[in-house]
Amino acid sequence: MTAKSKDIEGLARVARAKSTARVVCGAKRHRDAQPCQAKSEPGKHRCRFHGGRSTGPKTPEGKARALANLRQNRRVDK
């Protein structure tokens, strides 16, 4: 194994560790307005209770519904 391949292997290991690191969620809890202390989902910044498992809408109907909610609740400039 050459030094270059060892370096690449080490960088890949560090990148994999960062992508699966679990940090404290930090979202504001509804019950007492304190930061959530649950661990985030691997590779995300929020826990499963605050959207860490969400992958977003997949179907065209779901995407349209999400866009309608976005337009209703926020100003969207075109």
C-alpha atoms as a PDB file:
ATOM      1  CA  MET A   1       0.000   0.000   0.000  1.00  0.00           C
ATOM      2  CA  THR A   2       1.451   3.329  -1.024  1.00  0.00           C
ATOM      3  CA  ALA A   3       1.411   6.494   1.035  1.00  0.00           C
ATOM      4  CA  LYS A   4      -1.025   8.110  -1.382  1.00  0.00           C
ATOM      5  CA  SER A   5      -3.540   5.287  -1.081  1.00  0.00           C
ATOM      6  CA  LYS A   6      -3.247   5.434   2.711  1.00  0.00           C
ATOM      7  CA  ASP A   7      -4.012   9.166   2.598  1.00  0.00           C
ATOM      8  CA  ILE A   8      -7.048   8.601   0.385  1.00  0.00           C
ATOM      9  CA  GLU A   9      -8.270   5.811   2.644  1.00  0.00           C
ATOM     10  CA  GLY A  10      -7.851   8.040   5.698  1.00  0.00           C
ATOM     11  CA  LEU A  11      -9.747  10.904   4.071  1.00  0.00           C
ATOM     12  CA  ALA A  12     -12.569   8.562   3.116  1.00  0.00           C
ATOM     13  CA  ARG A  13     -12.779   7.300   6.704  1.00  0.00           C
ATOM     14  CA  VAL A  14     -12.965  10.882   8.040  1.00  0.00           C
ATOM     15  CA  ALA A  15     -15.665  11.836   5.509  1.00  0.00           C
ATOM     16  CA  ARG A  16     -17.695   8.743   6.417  1.00  0.00           C
ATOM     17  CA  ALA A  17     -17.389   9.531  10.130  1.00  0.00           C
ATOM     18  CA  LYS A  18     -18.554  13.116   9.578  1.00  0.00           C
ATOM     19  CA  SER A  19     -21.533  12.038   7.483  1.00  0.00           C
ATOM     20  CA  THR A  20     -22.729   9.623  10.188  1.00  0.00           C
ATOM     21  CA  ALA A  21     -21.925  11.836  13.185  1.00  0.00           C
ATOM     22  CA  ARG A  22     -24.868  12.364  15.509  1.00  0.00           C
ATOM     23  CA  VAL A  23     -25.085  15.785  17.109  1.00  0.00           C
ATOM     24  CA  VAL A  24     -27.628  17.270  19.523  1.00  0.00           C
ATOM     25  CA  CYS A  25     -30.755  18.332  17.622  1.00  0.00           C
ATOM     26  CA  GLY A  26     -31.112  21.836  19.082  1.00  0.00           C
ATOM     27  CA  ALA A  27     -34.611  22.519  17.708  1.00  0.00           C
ATOM     28  CA  LYS A  28     -36.938  24.409  20.043  1.00  0.00           C
ATOM     29  CA  ARG A  29     -39.243  22.041  21.924  1.00  0.00           C
ATOM     30  CA  HIS A  30     -42.941  22.931  21.961  1.00  0.00           C
ATOM     31  CA  ARG A  31     -43.552  21.919  25.552  1.00  0.00           C
ATOM     32  CA  ASP A  32     -41.047  24.252  27.214  1.00  0.00           C
ATOM     33  CA  ALA A  33     -39.238  26.185  24.436  1.00  0.00           C
ATOM     34  CA  GLN A  34     -35.901  24.665  25.456  1.00  0.00           C
ATOM     35  CA  PRO A  35     -33.482  23.197  22.895  1.00  0.00           C
ATOM     36  CA  CYS A  36     -34.154  19.538  22.066  1.00  0.00           C
ATOM     37  CA  GLN A  37     -31.449  17.279  23.478  1.00  0.00           C
ATOM     38  CA  ALA A  38     -32.189  14.245  21.287  1.00  0.00           C
ATOM     39  CA  LYS A  39     -29.461  13.008  18.956  1.00  0.00           C
ATOM     40  CA  SER A  40     -29.809  13.871  15.293  1.00  0.00           C
ATOM     41  CA  GLU A  41     -30.358  11.306  12.577  1.00  0.00           C
ATOM     42  CA  PRO A  42     -27.067  10.108  11.062  1.00  0.00           C
ATOM     43  CA  GLY A  43     -25.872  12.620   8.493  1.00  0.00           C
ATOM     44  CA  LYS A  44     -28.547  15.182   9.434  1.00  0.00           C
ATOM     45  CA  HIS A  45     -28.789  18.058  11.902  1.00  0.00           C
ATOM     46  CA  ARG A  46     -32.234  17.353  13.388  1.00  0.00           C
ATOM     47  CA  CYS A  47     -33.687  14.439  15.337  1.00  0.00           C
ATOM     48  CA  ARG A  48     -36.490  12.195  14.109  1.00  0.00           C
ATOM     49  CA  PHE A  49     -39.054  14.259  15.999  1.00  0.00           C
ATOM     50  CA  HIS A  50     -38.032  17.523  14.308  1.00  0.00           C
ATOM     51  CA  GLY A  51     -37.752  16.425  10.689  1.00  0.00           C
ATOM     52  CA  GLY A  52     -34.508  14.462  10.540  1.00  0.00           C
ATOM     53  CA  ARG A  53     -36.169  11.455   8.904  1.00  0.00           C
ATOM     54  CA  SER A  54     -38.064  13.483   6.345  1.00  0.00           C
ATOM     55  CA  THR A  55     -36.959  13.015   2.752  1.00  0.00           C
ATOM     56  CA  GLY A  56     -39.480  15.426   1.289  1.00  0.00           C
ATOM     57  CA  PRO A  57     -42.380  14.822  -1.071  1.00  0.00           C
ATOM     58  CA  LYS A  58     -41.775  12.201  -3.778  1.00  0.00           C
ATOM     59  CA  THR A  59     -44.963  12.196  -5.848  1.00  0.00           C
ATOM     60  CA  PRO A  60     -46.001  15.038  -8.172  1.00  0.00           C
ATOM     61  CA  GLU A  61     -49.122  15.546  -6.033  1.00  0.00           C
ATOM     62  CA  GLY A  62     -47.037  15.816  -2.872  1.00  0.00           C
ATOM     63  CA  LYS A  63     -44.622  18.249  -4.505  1.00  0.00           C
ATOM     64  CA  ALA A  64     -47.533  20.409  -5.673  1.00  0.00           C
ATOM     65  CA  ARG A  65     -49.045  20.366  -2.171  1.00  0.00           C
ATOM     66  CA  ALA A  66     -45.716  21.397  -0.630  1.00  0.00           C
ATOM     67  CA  LEU A  67     -45.322  24.230  -3.141  1.00  0.00           C
ATOM     68  CA  ALA A  68     -48.874  25.410  -2.424  1.00  0.00           C
ATOM     69  CA  ASN A  69     -48.092  25.478   1.309  1.00  0.00           C
ATOM     70  CA  LEU A  70     -44.882  27.371   0.622  1.00  0.00           C
ATOM     71  CA  ARG A  71     -46.731  29.972  -1.416  1.00  0.00           C
ATOM     72  CA  GLN A  72     -49.449  30.263   1.223  1.00  0.00           C
ATOM     73  CA  ASN A  73     -47.097  30.729   4.152  1.00  0.00           C
ATOM     74  CA  ARG A  74     -44.158  32.557   2.586  1.00  0.00           C
ATOM     75  CA  ARG A  75     -43.596  35.104  -0.071  1.00  0.00           C
ATOM     76  CA  VAL A  76     -42.179  33.513  -3.211  1.00  0.00           C
ATOM     77  CA  ASP A  77     -40.667  35.856  -5.792  1.00  0.00           C
ATOM     78  CA  LYS A  78     -40.522  34.733  -9.394  1.00  0.00           C
END
